[in-house]
Each structure stands twice: as structure tokens, then as C-alpha cells.
Amino acid sequence: MSHTISVVAVLKAKPGMEPEMAEQARSMAEASLAEPGCLSYRNYVDPDDPRSWVVVEEWADQASFDAHMASPHLAASLARSAELLAEPPSVKVLAPVV
């Protein structure tokens, strides 16, 4: 039996990189939502700290998430991380309690 996979990533943009972060967030959401097995992909920004971002994703199963992890758009996003992020992202991959 396969279970959904949820991912929560916490990101901190470098000062002044907020517009670029917003563009990358939109691009990642669009590309990820087009992938088979992507149930949801949402970007959030802290209204009190526009450099603080949270991404919440849900995938139908492990295979869908694995395919996402190997996707070209994720590789491109990760390659830009050094330019955009003030620190490495904190990523939690979660499974439902069954």
C-alpha cells in the first residue's frame, strides 16, 4: 500500500533577492503541479519577514516524489540556491500516520 508524501521546506532569501525568489517560487509551482502525482504545491511568504518562505508539497506516492527529485526544473532550482538563499533550506519529508 502506498501513502502520500508531504514535504515542508523552509527557505531564507538573501537580502534584496525577494523578487527573484517569488519568480522562482511561481516557476517551481507551475512545473511541479504539471508532474504526475503532484497533489499540491504551495508557496508561502511570511508577511512580517518577506525573506522567509515555506513550501508545502504533497505527492501521491514515493515514486512520484522520487521522479520530482530527479526533475530538470528541480535541478535548475537547486543550482540557483547559492545565488538566492542566505542559508541552506530546511527540508522535512513526512509520511502520514496510518
Protein backbone atom coordinates (compact mmCIF):
# COMPACT_ATOMS: atom_id res chain seq x y z
CA MET A 1 0.00 0.00 0.00
CA SER A 2 1.43 3.37 -0.95
CA HIS A 3 1.00 6.52 1.08
CA THR A 4 1.13 10.16 0.21
CA ILE A 5 4.37 12.04 0.80
CA SER A 6 4.29 15.56 2.21
CA VAL A 7 7.26 17.90 2.07
CA VAL A 8 7.82 21.10 4.02
CA ALA A 9 10.78 23.28 3.04
CA VAL A 10 11.76 26.43 4.91
CA LEU A 11 13.81 28.91 2.90
CA LYS A 12 15.51 32.21 3.73
CA ALA A 13 16.25 34.55 0.83
CA LYS A 14 19.31 36.75 0.71
CA PRO A 15 18.51 40.44 1.27
CA GLY A 16 17.22 42.00 -1.93
CA MET A 17 16.53 38.65 -3.60
CA GLU A 18 12.81 38.59 -2.73
CA PRO A 19 11.60 39.33 -6.31
CA GLU A 20 13.79 36.56 -7.72
CA MET A 21 12.56 34.17 -5.02
CA ALA A 22 8.96 34.98 -5.94
CA GLU A 23 9.64 34.29 -9.62
CA GLN A 24 11.39 31.01 -8.84
CA ALA A 25 8.56 30.02 -6.49
CA ARG A 26 5.97 30.61 -9.22
CA SER A 27 8.05 28.69 -11.75
CA MET A 28 8.60 25.73 -9.42
CA ALA A 29 4.91 25.56 -8.51
CA GLU A 30 3.82 25.59 -12.15
CA ALA A 31 6.31 22.94 -13.24
CA SER A 32 5.73 20.73 -10.20
CA LEU A 33 1.93 20.85 -10.46
CA ALA A 34 2.27 19.59 -14.04
CA GLU A 35 4.12 16.48 -12.83
CA PRO A 36 2.22 13.19 -12.48
CA GLY A 37 1.46 12.52 -8.83
CA CYS A 38 1.75 16.12 -7.59
CA LEU A 39 -1.36 16.63 -5.47
CA SER A 40 -0.48 20.14 -4.29
CA TYR A 41 2.41 22.58 -4.30
CA ARG A 42 2.06 25.83 -2.38
CA ASN A 43 4.49 28.64 -1.64
CA TYR A 44 4.06 30.89 1.37
CA VAL A 45 5.91 34.01 2.44
CA ASP A 46 5.95 35.40 5.97
CA PRO A 47 4.18 38.80 5.81
CA ASP A 48 6.37 40.03 8.68
CA ASP A 49 9.60 38.84 7.04
CA PRO A 50 9.45 38.76 3.22
CA ARG A 51 12.76 36.90 3.12
CA SER A 52 11.20 33.87 4.90
CA TRP A 53 9.46 31.32 2.68
CA VAL A 54 7.76 27.98 3.27
CA VAL A 55 6.97 25.48 0.51
CA VAL A 56 4.39 22.75 1.23
CA GLU A 57 4.09 19.92 -1.28
CA GLU A 58 2.04 16.74 -1.38
CA TRP A 59 2.81 13.79 -3.64
CA ALA A 60 0.62 10.78 -4.39
CA ASP A 61 3.34 8.28 -3.51
CA GLN A 62 7.07 7.74 -3.12
CA ALA A 63 7.57 7.06 -6.85
CA SER A 64 6.02 10.43 -7.76
CA PHE A 65 8.21 12.22 -5.23
CA ASP A 66 11.31 10.38 -6.47
CA ALA A 67 10.52 11.44 -10.05
CA HIS A 68 10.15 15.04 -8.85
CA MET A 69 13.51 14.86 -7.11
CA ALA A 70 15.07 13.85 -10.46
CA SER A 71 13.23 16.50 -12.50
CA PRO A 72 15.16 19.07 -14.55
CA HIS A 73 13.24 22.02 -13.06
CA LEU A 74 14.19 20.97 -9.52
CA ALA A 75 17.84 20.57 -10.56
CA ALA A 76 17.78 24.07 -12.06
CA SER A 77 16.18 25.47 -8.90
CA LEU A 78 18.76 23.83 -6.67
CA ALA A 79 21.55 25.20 -8.87
CA ARG A 80 20.25 28.74 -8.21
CA SER A 81 20.08 28.19 -4.44
CA ALA A 82 23.54 29.65 -3.75
CA GLU A 83 22.53 32.83 -5.56
CA LEU A 84 19.12 33.22 -3.89
CA LEU A 85 19.34 31.73 -0.41
CA ALA A 86 21.03 33.12 2.68
CA GLU A 87 21.37 29.63 4.17
CA PRO A 88 20.70 26.03 3.18
CA PRO A 89 17.00 25.16 3.18
CA SER A 90 15.48 23.06 5.93
CA VAL A 91 13.53 20.23 4.30
CA LYS A 92 11.27 17.72 6.03
CA VAL A 93 9.80 14.77 4.15
CA LEU A 94 6.76 13.47 6.02
CA ALA A 95 4.53 10.41 5.81
CA PRO A 96 1.01 10.23 7.17
CA VAL A 97 0.24 8.48 10.43
CA VAL A 98 -1.72 5.39 9.50
